[in-house]
Amino acid sequence: YNHSPRQIQIELFCRFIHMARETGLPLVVHNREAQREVVELLRREGKGDLRGVVHCFTGNYEAAREILDMGFYLSFTGIITFKNADSLRDVVRKLPLNRVLVETDSPYLAPVPHRGKRNEPAHVRFVAQTIAAVRGISLEEVAEATSNNARSLFEI
């Protein structure tokens, strides 16, 4: 991510925003160390019928609200299970469940208890279990909501 000139990354991201809007397909955003710029570019370039998800979300609550206010979903990975991720768990506790997705980001970011090992799709349940625990709801509620959210976003 840090091997391409910043301006080229911005130009290509803007192209993807425009393609998503023109095709009606959801935009899947992976932000790394550029939260403010991503939000600003989505706000500026994403006017119209743009929908999507910021996957592997690790930002703060204010950034989450801005992204949700643009109609996007937020997706959480195994990071939410890490011991030092209290602030991220606090974010997911405050969000409306109908805008939350879960993912693995395989083969990376394996959740506790598999941290440091190769991640795989079966581990997504640990992400969902953590969200259920911090929200005080059942795993089944999280699974149903996030499945419905994915179907809605991807129109499946």
Foldseek 3Di string as FASTA:
>chain_A
DPPDDPVVVLVVVLVQLVVCQVVVAADEAEDDPQLVVVLVSCVVRNPDNYEYEDECDLDALVSVVSQVVSVYAYEHELVCQDPPSPRVLVNLLPDDLLRYAYAHPFQDNQHPPQPPGGHDGVRSLVVLVSSCVSNVHDSVVSVVSNVVSVCVNRVD
